[in-house]
Amino acid sequence: MQPSFYLKIYPGSDSPDQLLLFSTKKASLLLLAQAAWQDLAAGNLAAGPAATLEKLQMIVPDREAEKRAMLALIDTQNPRNKGLHIIVVLNLDCNFACPYCFEEGVKGDLYMTEATADRLLAFIKEQWREDKETLRVDFYGGEPLLSLDLIASISRPVKSFIEGKGGKYFFTLVTNGSLLTRQAAERLAPLGLTNVKVTLDGPAPVHNRSRPFKSGAGSFDAIVRNIKAVCDLVKVGIGGNFTRDNYEEFPLLLDYLMAEGLTPAQVGRIKFDPVMQQPQNGSVAVEYTGCLSINEPWVIEAEALLREEILKRGYKTSKPAPMVCMIETTAAYVVDYDGTIYKCPAFIGKKEFAVGSLETGVGDYAAAFKLGIYKNPECAACEYLPLCFGGCRYMAYVREGNFDKVDCKRAYLDASLERLIKQDIKYRLQK
């Protein structure tokens, strides 16, 4: 047996006699005595530790075969995928005026019609195969709760169809939270609503500058009030978008949530992300110009700091784990309000990136989006490949104006991965 190609080894946190092993392929984690690792190198590792390492896929029979299998992983898994995932853009309207909105320029009084919703149901029936087990729909906008009645009218027949086929249907909302009343949650939960993602851009003064109502009034208090009202009915996750100038204020939001009784028991996952730069022809306000890459040093520092603040208060957040771009996943689509189909919500309203429509079906987009772009010598030789698979197509496009290059995350992972893993050990595993 050989050490996996996708194994990262760091010094142990508490003892110089221990090594911290992390598999980028399985997201498995193990503390191992230095002596045991030396025994492995000498071919003398005892059967017990060897079995554990093999189970965690930290040792493999053939590293070159392992690398070939990793390059083929997405192609192998796509036909085995038991789930269907559809993001449904109900409208491009919003009651907020966020200055960094990535949909600026395409927003307006634009709503999905009942006729388009009927075609959506037909599309779902067409995409549902006998081997499928779950349908997840993410209702999106604009602000999806401006189309509350449509959510219900879509979900009833979809739920009936999927359950009639022996499958499971559930849906989520990506919402600004201002319309997330208890009445709305009580109406939607029986139809399949399980999770809601709400955005809070820091403590009230920061959030209200970033996410005001169209009237200019702050939205923070209304959102927090709604989270309190529904967190016993659905899982509420909280996101937030920070800039170089305000990320250090975000821990104040966490303290406020705790003080208001929105503890880790009431709130789901919390994750803060940097405001991302928009394409050159975008209309985002200058003061909200975001980063062009997750590899930027200030982003690396901000994300690690904020993740630690989340974990130390007992909240849940994402872990380093294998990740595949939605574009590479065959059973995943974005359906716009007018029936246009995309492969990523970042391209909503940009018709040049459409891959089809509810009327015409989905065309061949492999060449246009450079599917399998990670199958190149540099990515094949990278131990981080499972955590990246070529990265975000949208960010590659923002930087390059095309999809000809990968969105490499090596600099970010070199700088961050050890710290993130040790955060998990400190706050998750040592409780």
Protein backbone atom coordinates (compact mmCIF):
# COMPACT_ATOMS: atom_id res chain seq x y z
CA MET A 1 0.00 0.00 0.00
CA GLN A 2 1.09 3.57 -0.72
CA PRO A 3 0.11 6.95 0.76
CA SER A 4 -2.78 8.40 -1.21
CA PHE A 5 -1.83 11.09 -3.72
CA TYR A 6 -4.64 13.19 -2.19
CA LEU A 7 -3.26 13.09 1.34
CA LYS A 8 -2.12 16.24 3.14
CA ILE A 9 0.09 15.84 6.18
CA TYR A 10 0.49 18.55 8.80
CA PRO A 11 2.12 18.69 12.25
CA GLY A 12 -0.23 17.76 15.07
CA SER A 13 -1.83 20.56 17.04
CA ASP A 14 -1.03 19.33 20.55
CA SER A 15 1.98 17.03 20.25
CA PRO A 16 5.13 17.00 18.11
CA ASP A 17 4.84 13.20 18.13
CA GLN A 18 1.61 13.30 16.13
CA LEU A 19 0.81 13.98 12.50
CA LEU A 20 -2.47 15.36 11.22
CA LEU A 21 -3.61 13.51 8.10
CA PHE A 22 -6.36 14.88 5.84
CA SER A 23 -7.70 13.29 2.68
CA THR A 24 -8.78 15.85 0.11
CA LYS A 25 -10.57 12.98 -1.65
CA LYS A 26 -12.74 11.84 1.27
CA ALA A 27 -12.49 14.80 3.68
CA SER A 28 -11.42 12.22 6.25
CA LEU A 29 -9.21 13.31 9.16
CA LEU A 30 -6.87 11.33 11.39
CA LEU A 31 -4.27 12.00 14.07
CA LEU A 32 -1.47 9.48 13.68
CA ALA A 33 1.68 8.90 15.71
CA GLN A 34 4.89 9.85 13.92
CA ALA A 35 6.23 6.39 14.68
CA ALA A 36 3.29 4.74 12.91
CA TRP A 37 3.88 6.84 9.81
CA GLN A 38 7.53 5.82 9.85
CA ASP A 39 6.45 2.20 10.11
CA LEU A 40 4.25 2.70 7.05
CA ALA A 41 7.17 4.12 5.08
CA ALA A 42 9.27 1.10 6.09
CA GLY A 43 6.51 -1.34 5.21
CA ASN A 44 6.04 -2.42 8.82
CA LEU A 45 2.73 -0.79 9.77
CA ALA A 46 0.61 -2.93 12.07
CA ALA A 47 -2.62 -4.41 10.72
CA GLY A 48 -4.94 -2.24 12.86
CA PRO A 49 -3.61 1.18 11.83
CA ALA A 50 -3.21 -0.03 8.24
CA ALA A 51 -6.88 -1.06 8.10
CA THR A 52 -7.95 2.34 9.44
CA LEU A 53 -5.83 4.22 6.91
CA GLU A 54 -7.17 2.07 4.09
CA LYS A 55 -10.78 2.60 5.19
CA LEU A 56 -10.22 6.37 5.18
CA GLN A 57 -8.56 6.01 1.75
CA MET A 58 -5.37 7.54 3.07
CA ILE A 59 -3.38 4.62 1.73
CA VAL A 60 -4.09 3.01 -1.64
CA PRO A 61 -2.72 0.11 -3.69
CA ASP A 62 -1.69 2.29 -6.65
CA ARG A 63 -1.34 6.09 -6.66
CA GLU A 64 -1.32 6.36 -10.46
CA ALA A 65 -4.53 4.35 -10.71
CA GLU A 66 -5.98 6.58 -8.00
CA LYS A 67 -5.17 9.71 -10.03
CA ARG A 68 -6.76 8.25 -13.16
CA ALA A 69 -9.89 7.38 -11.20
CA MET A 70 -10.09 10.91 -9.81
CA LEU A 71 -9.95 12.45 -13.28
CA ALA A 72 -12.80 10.15 -14.30
CA LEU A 73 -14.80 10.61 -11.09
CA ILE A 74 -17.40 13.11 -12.31
CA ASP A 75 -17.98 11.17 -15.52
CA THR A 76 -18.45 8.04 -13.42
CA GLN A 77 -20.72 9.60 -10.81
CA ASN A 78 -23.05 11.56 -13.09
CA PRO A 79 -24.88 8.48 -14.41
CA ARG A 80 -25.21 7.19 -10.83
CA ASN A 81 -26.64 10.41 -9.43
CA LYS A 82 -29.95 9.60 -7.72
CA GLY A 83 -30.98 13.23 -7.35
CA LEU A 84 -32.36 15.93 -9.64
CA HIS A 85 -31.60 19.54 -8.67
CA ILE A 86 -33.35 22.53 -10.21
CA ILE A 87 -32.97 26.19 -9.28
CA VAL A 88 -36.16 28.02 -10.26
CA VAL A 89 -35.95 31.78 -10.74
CA LEU A 90 -39.50 32.92 -10.01
CA ASN A 91 -38.90 36.58 -10.77
CA LEU A 92 -36.22 39.20 -11.24
CA ASP A 93 -37.96 41.71 -9.00
CA CYS A 94 -36.83 42.68 -5.52
CA ASN A 95 -37.92 44.93 -2.67
CA PHE A 96 -34.28 45.64 -1.77
CA ALA A 97 -31.72 47.95 -3.39
CA CYS A 98 -28.43 46.20 -2.62
CA PRO A 99 -25.60 48.19 -4.24
CA TYR A 100 -23.52 45.08 -5.01
CA CYS A 101 -26.32 42.97 -6.54
CA PHE A 102 -24.95 40.67 -9.25
CA GLU A 103 -28.33 40.77 -11.00
CA GLU A 104 -28.12 44.53 -11.49
CA GLY A 105 -28.85 45.24 -15.13
CA VAL A 106 -31.25 42.31 -15.57
CA LYS A 107 -33.67 43.02 -12.71
CA GLY A 108 -37.15 44.38 -13.30
CA ASP A 109 -40.86 43.70 -13.07
CA LEU A 110 -40.31 40.25 -14.57
CA TYR A 111 -42.26 37.28 -13.22
CA MET A 112 -42.74 33.64 -14.20
CA THR A 113 -46.19 33.06 -15.68
CA GLU A 114 -48.51 30.15 -14.97
CA ALA A 115 -47.90 28.95 -18.54
CA THR A 116 -44.14 28.83 -17.93
CA ALA A 117 -44.76 27.08 -14.60
CA ASP A 118 -46.76 24.43 -16.48
CA ARG A 119 -43.83 23.93 -18.87
CA LEU A 120 -41.54 23.65 -15.83
CA LEU A 121 -43.67 20.76 -14.53
CA ALA A 122 -43.43 19.08 -17.93
CA PHE A 123 -39.63 19.56 -17.89
CA ILE A 124 -39.39 17.99 -14.44
CA LYS A 125 -41.42 15.00 -15.61
CA GLU A 126 -39.13 14.66 -18.63
CA GLN A 127 -35.95 14.85 -16.51
CA TRP A 128 -37.21 12.43 -13.86
CA ARG A 129 -35.75 9.01 -14.59
CA GLU A 130 -36.70 5.71 -13.00
CA ASP A 131 -33.43 5.64 -11.07
CA LYS A 132 -34.00 9.04 -9.45
CA GLU A 133 -34.90 9.22 -5.78
CA THR A 134 -35.02 12.92 -4.85
CA LEU A 135 -35.96 16.21 -6.42
CA ARG A 136 -34.59 19.34 -4.81
CA VAL A 137 -35.89 22.69 -6.02
CA ASP A 138 -34.27 25.93 -4.87
CA PHE A 139 -36.69 28.81 -5.38
CA TYR A 140 -34.68 31.89 -6.26
CA GLY A 141 -35.11 35.45 -7.47
CA GLY A 142 -35.03 38.41 -7.38
CA GLU A 143 -36.95 37.78 -4.23
CA PRO A 144 -38.83 34.46 -4.44
CA LEU A 145 -41.37 35.33 -1.74
CA LEU A 146 -42.76 38.04 -4.02
CA SER A 147 -44.11 34.99 -5.87
CA LEU A 148 -45.49 33.13 -2.85
CA ASP A 149 -48.65 31.93 -4.61
CA LEU A 150 -46.59 30.58 -7.52
CA ILE A 151 -44.34 28.62 -5.16
CA ALA A 152 -47.44 26.89 -3.84
CA SER A 153 -48.97 26.29 -7.26
CA ILE A 154 -45.72 24.76 -8.55
CA SER A 155 -45.04 22.66 -5.48
CA ARG A 156 -48.44 20.95 -5.22
CA PRO A 157 -48.36 19.14 -8.58
CA VAL A 158 -44.58 18.56 -8.43
CA LYS A 159 -44.87 16.99 -4.97
CA SER A 160 -47.77 14.82 -6.13
CA PHE A 161 -45.88 13.65 -9.20
CA ILE A 162 -42.59 12.86 -7.42
CA GLU A 163 -44.23 11.08 -4.52
CA GLY A 164 -46.39 9.16 -6.97
CA LYS A 165 -43.17 7.88 -8.52
CA GLY A 166 -41.86 6.79 -5.12
CA GLY A 167 -39.46 9.72 -4.82
CA LYS A 168 -38.98 12.52 -2.33
CA TYR A 169 -39.60 16.19 -3.13
CA PHE A 170 -38.34 19.08 -1.04
CA PHE A 171 -37.56 22.70 -1.73
CA THR A 172 -35.57 25.56 -0.29
CA LEU A 173 -35.72 29.34 -0.51
CA VAL A 174 -32.88 31.77 -1.12
CA THR A 175 -34.52 34.90 0.25
CA ASN A 176 -33.65 38.29 1.66
CA GLY A 177 -35.87 37.35 4.62
CA SER A 178 -38.03 40.44 4.73
CA LEU A 179 -41.15 38.56 3.62
CA LEU A 180 -40.38 35.36 5.50
CA THR A 181 -43.29 35.60 7.91
CA ARG A 182 -44.57 32.76 10.06
CA GLN A 183 -47.73 32.73 7.97
CA ALA A 184 -45.67 32.17 4.80
CA ALA A 185 -43.61 29.39 6.43
CA GLU A 186 -46.74 27.66 7.75
CA ARG A 187 -48.20 27.69 4.26
CA LEU A 188 -45.08 26.36 2.54
CA ALA A 189 -43.73 23.79 5.02
CA PRO A 190 -46.47 21.20 4.28
CA LEU A 191 -45.68 21.56 0.57
CA GLY A 192 -42.04 20.59 1.03
CA LEU A 193 -40.16 23.64 2.33
CA THR A 194 -37.29 22.38 4.49
CA ASN A 195 -34.54 25.01 4.41
CA VAL A 196 -34.26 28.76 4.02
CA LYS A 197 -31.11 30.76 3.38
CA VAL A 198 -31.27 34.37 4.57
CA THR A 199 -28.62 37.03 4.13
CA LEU A 200 -27.41 39.28 6.95
CA ASP A 201 -24.47 41.45 5.93
CA GLY A 202 -23.04 41.99 9.39
CA PRO A 203 -24.47 43.91 12.36
CA ALA A 204 -27.37 46.30 11.80
CA PRO A 205 -25.44 49.45 10.74
CA VAL A 206 -23.33 47.52 8.21
CA HIS A 207 -26.22 45.39 6.94
CA ASN A 208 -28.56 48.35 6.51
CA ARG A 209 -26.00 50.11 4.29
CA SER A 210 -25.55 46.98 2.19
CA ARG A 211 -29.12 45.72 2.03
CA PRO A 212 -31.67 48.53 2.36
CA PHE A 213 -35.24 48.43 1.20
CA LYS A 214 -35.93 50.32 -2.03
CA SER A 215 -37.24 53.12 0.15
CA GLY A 216 -33.81 53.43 1.77
CA ALA A 217 -35.01 52.10 5.11
CA GLY A 218 -32.94 49.48 6.89
CA SER A 219 -34.03 45.86 6.66
CA PHE A 220 -32.06 44.29 9.53
CA ASP A 221 -34.73 44.35 12.25
CA ALA A 222 -37.45 42.93 10.00
CA ILE A 223 -35.22 40.03 8.93
CA VAL A 224 -34.18 39.10 12.46
CA ARG A 225 -37.79 39.27 13.58
CA ASN A 226 -38.79 36.86 10.80
CA ILE A 227 -35.96 34.43 11.55
CA LYS A 228 -37.18 34.24 15.15
CA ALA A 229 -40.73 33.62 13.92
CA VAL A 230 -39.95 30.68 11.62
CA CYS A 231 -36.86 28.90 12.98
CA ASP A 232 -38.99 26.26 14.69
CA LEU A 233 -40.77 25.44 11.41
CA VAL A 234 -37.88 25.32 8.91
CA LYS A 235 -34.09 25.25 9.08
CA VAL A 236 -32.77 28.77 8.67
CA GLY A 237 -29.23 29.19 7.42
CA ILE A 238 -27.56 32.59 7.41
CA GLY A 239 -25.22 33.92 4.76
CA GLY A 240 -23.49 37.25 4.54
CA ASN A 241 -21.42 39.17 2.01
CA PHE A 242 -18.38 41.01 3.30
CA THR A 243 -15.91 43.45 1.81
CA ARG A 244 -12.32 44.26 2.63
CA ASP A 245 -13.54 47.23 4.67
CA ASN A 246 -16.24 45.63 6.82
CA TYR A 247 -15.46 41.94 7.48
CA GLU A 248 -13.96 42.66 10.90
CA GLU A 249 -17.40 43.87 12.08
CA PHE A 250 -19.19 40.60 11.27
CA PRO A 251 -18.46 38.93 14.63
CA LEU A 252 -20.70 41.60 16.18
CA LEU A 253 -23.58 40.06 14.22
CA LEU A 254 -22.88 36.67 15.81
CA ASP A 255 -22.91 38.20 19.29
CA TYR A 256 -26.18 39.93 18.50
CA LEU A 257 -27.80 36.71 17.31
CA MET A 258 -26.74 34.93 20.50
CA ALA A 259 -28.08 37.76 22.66
CA GLU A 260 -31.41 37.64 20.79
CA GLY A 261 -31.82 33.94 21.44
CA LEU A 262 -30.88 32.84 17.92
CA THR A 263 -28.39 30.34 19.25
CA PRO A 264 -26.80 27.37 17.43
CA ALA A 265 -29.86 25.35 18.44
CA GLN A 266 -32.16 27.71 16.52
CA VAL A 267 -29.99 28.56 13.50
CA GLY A 268 -28.55 26.27 10.85
CA ARG A 269 -25.31 26.79 9.00
CA ILE A 270 -23.72 30.24 8.94
CA LYS A 271 -21.27 31.14 6.21
CA PHE A 272 -19.87 34.50 5.17
CA ASP A 273 -18.44 35.07 1.68
CA PRO A 274 -16.66 37.97 -0.01
CA VAL A 275 -18.49 40.21 -2.43
CA MET A 276 -17.27 39.05 -5.83
CA GLN A 277 -16.33 41.35 -8.66
CA GLN A 278 -18.70 41.60 -11.59
CA PRO A 279 -17.82 41.53 -15.31
CA GLN A 280 -16.45 44.74 -16.79
CA ASN A 281 -19.84 45.77 -18.17
CA GLY A 282 -21.54 45.33 -14.80
CA SER A 283 -23.09 48.22 -12.90
CA VAL A 284 -22.09 47.43 -9.31
CA ALA A 285 -21.34 50.50 -7.19
CA VAL A 286 -17.62 51.28 -7.04
CA GLU A 287 -17.44 51.06 -3.25
CA TYR A 288 -18.67 47.47 -3.48
CA THR A 289 -16.12 46.30 -6.02
CA GLY A 290 -15.33 42.81 -4.87
CA CYS A 291 -12.49 40.35 -5.13
CA LEU A 292 -11.51 38.66 -8.37
CA SER A 293 -10.28 35.50 -6.72
CA ILE A 294 -10.55 33.56 -3.49
CA ASN A 295 -6.74 33.49 -3.59
CA GLU A 296 -6.45 37.19 -2.68
CA PRO A 297 -4.59 37.45 0.67
CA TRP A 298 -7.21 39.61 2.36
CA VAL A 299 -9.94 37.10 1.43
CA ILE A 300 -7.89 34.22 2.83
CA GLU A 301 -7.42 36.05 6.12
CA ALA A 302 -11.03 37.25 6.32
CA GLU A 303 -12.55 33.83 5.67
CA ALA A 304 -10.35 32.07 8.23
CA LEU A 305 -11.02 34.73 10.87
CA LEU A 306 -14.79 34.71 10.36
CA ARG A 307 -14.98 30.92 10.24
CA GLU A 308 -13.22 30.76 13.61
CA GLU A 309 -15.62 33.31 15.08
CA ILE A 310 -18.57 31.22 13.85
CA LEU A 311 -17.19 27.97 15.26
CA LYS A 312 -16.09 29.33 18.62
CA ARG A 313 -19.69 30.38 19.33
CA GLY A 314 -20.91 26.88 18.52
CA TYR A 315 -22.57 27.62 15.19
CA LYS A 316 -22.24 25.23 12.23
CA THR A 317 -20.42 26.17 9.06
CA SER A 318 -19.07 24.41 5.99
CA LYS A 319 -16.10 22.04 6.14
CA PRO A 320 -13.32 21.53 3.59
CA ALA A 321 -14.78 18.83 1.38
CA PRO A 322 -14.88 17.67 -2.25
CA MET A 323 -16.79 20.09 -4.44
CA VAL A 324 -18.01 19.91 -8.03
CA CYS A 325 -19.18 22.88 -10.11
CA MET A 326 -22.89 22.75 -10.95
CA ILE A 327 -21.94 23.07 -14.62
CA GLU A 328 -20.20 19.68 -14.44
CA THR A 329 -23.25 18.00 -12.86
CA THR A 330 -25.61 16.70 -15.51
CA ALA A 331 -28.79 16.51 -13.39
CA ALA A 332 -28.69 20.17 -12.31
CA TYR A 333 -30.29 23.14 -14.04
CA VAL A 334 -31.31 26.75 -13.51
CA VAL A 335 -34.68 27.68 -15.00
CA ASP A 336 -35.19 31.43 -15.40
CA TYR A 337 -38.53 33.18 -15.01
CA ASP A 338 -39.07 33.12 -18.80
CA GLY A 339 -38.18 29.45 -19.23
CA THR A 340 -34.59 29.97 -20.33
CA ILE A 341 -32.30 27.26 -18.95
CA TYR A 342 -28.81 27.92 -17.59
CA LYS A 343 -26.24 25.80 -15.81
CA CYS A 344 -25.33 28.33 -13.09
CA PRO A 345 -27.33 31.06 -11.33
CA ALA A 346 -24.49 33.54 -11.90
CA PHE A 347 -25.43 33.61 -15.59
CA ILE A 348 -29.11 34.46 -15.07
CA GLY A 349 -30.29 36.96 -17.69
CA LYS A 350 -27.16 36.57 -19.82
CA LYS A 351 -28.72 34.82 -22.80
CA GLU A 352 -25.38 34.10 -24.42
CA PHE A 353 -24.82 31.55 -21.63
CA ALA A 354 -28.20 29.80 -21.98
CA VAL A 355 -28.10 26.06 -22.63
CA GLY A 356 -31.71 25.75 -23.77
CA SER A 357 -35.26 26.49 -22.75
CA LEU A 358 -38.33 24.74 -21.39
CA GLU A 359 -39.77 24.77 -24.91
CA THR A 360 -36.73 23.51 -26.84
CA GLY A 361 -35.01 21.40 -24.18
CA VAL A 362 -31.34 21.38 -23.19
CA GLY A 363 -28.71 21.53 -25.91
CA ASP A 364 -25.12 20.35 -25.97
CA TYR A 365 -23.11 22.77 -23.82
CA ALA A 366 -19.98 20.68 -23.31
CA ALA A 367 -17.73 22.65 -25.64
CA ALA A 368 -19.10 26.10 -24.72
CA PHE A 369 -18.45 25.60 -21.00
CA LYS A 370 -15.27 23.56 -21.41
CA LEU A 371 -16.57 20.55 -19.51
CA GLY A 372 -13.73 18.54 -18.05
CA ILE A 373 -11.35 21.50 -18.17
CA TYR A 374 -9.68 20.10 -15.04
CA LYS A 375 -8.44 17.14 -17.11
CA ASN A 376 -5.16 18.86 -17.83
CA PRO A 377 -1.62 18.00 -16.68
CA GLU A 378 -1.46 20.75 -14.04
CA CYS A 379 -4.76 19.81 -12.37
CA ALA A 380 -4.00 16.09 -12.69
CA ALA A 381 -0.79 16.68 -10.71
CA CYS A 382 -2.57 18.65 -7.96
CA GLU A 383 -3.43 17.03 -4.63
CA TYR A 384 -6.26 19.57 -4.21
CA LEU A 385 -8.15 18.42 -7.31
CA PRO A 386 -11.06 16.88 -5.34
CA LEU A 387 -11.62 20.19 -3.51
CA CYS A 388 -11.67 22.20 -6.73
CA PHE A 389 -12.20 20.33 -10.04
CA GLY A 390 -11.22 23.45 -11.93
CA GLY A 391 -13.03 25.88 -9.64
CA CYS A 392 -15.80 28.34 -10.49
CA ARG A 393 -16.53 28.87 -14.19
CA TYR A 394 -18.10 32.24 -13.46
CA MET A 395 -15.02 33.62 -11.70
CA ALA A 396 -12.81 32.33 -14.50
CA TYR A 397 -15.05 34.21 -16.93
CA VAL A 398 -14.96 37.40 -14.84
CA ARG A 399 -11.16 37.40 -14.86
CA GLU A 400 -10.47 36.10 -18.34
CA GLY A 401 -13.57 36.96 -20.35
CA ASN A 402 -13.85 33.31 -21.38
CA PHE A 403 -13.78 29.75 -19.98
CA ASP A 404 -10.36 28.81 -21.33
CA LYS A 405 -8.62 28.74 -17.93
CA VAL A 406 -9.41 27.03 -14.65
CA ASP A 407 -10.24 28.95 -11.49
CA CYS A 408 -7.26 27.53 -9.60
CA LYS A 409 -7.55 27.54 -5.80
CA ARG A 410 -4.06 26.27 -4.96
CA ALA A 411 -2.87 29.51 -3.35
CA TYR A 412 -5.98 29.65 -1.16
CA LEU A 413 -5.72 26.01 -0.09
CA ASP A 414 -1.97 26.21 0.52
CA ALA A 415 -2.58 29.14 2.83
CA SER A 416 -5.83 28.00 4.45
CA LEU A 417 -6.42 24.27 4.56
CA GLU A 418 -4.28 23.44 7.59
CA ARG A 419 -5.83 26.28 9.55
CA LEU A 420 -9.37 25.27 8.62
CA ILE A 421 -8.78 21.63 9.58
CA LYS A 422 -7.30 22.62 12.92
CA GLN A 423 -10.28 24.90 13.56
CA ASP A 424 -12.52 21.87 13.11
CA ILE A 425 -10.44 19.80 15.51
CA LYS A 426 -10.49 22.56 18.11
CA TYR A 427 -14.18 23.45 17.96
CA ARG A 428 -15.95 20.38 16.56
CA LEU A 429 -13.96 17.29 17.58
CA GLN A 430 -12.75 18.21 21.05
CA LYS A 431 -16.15 18.88 22.57
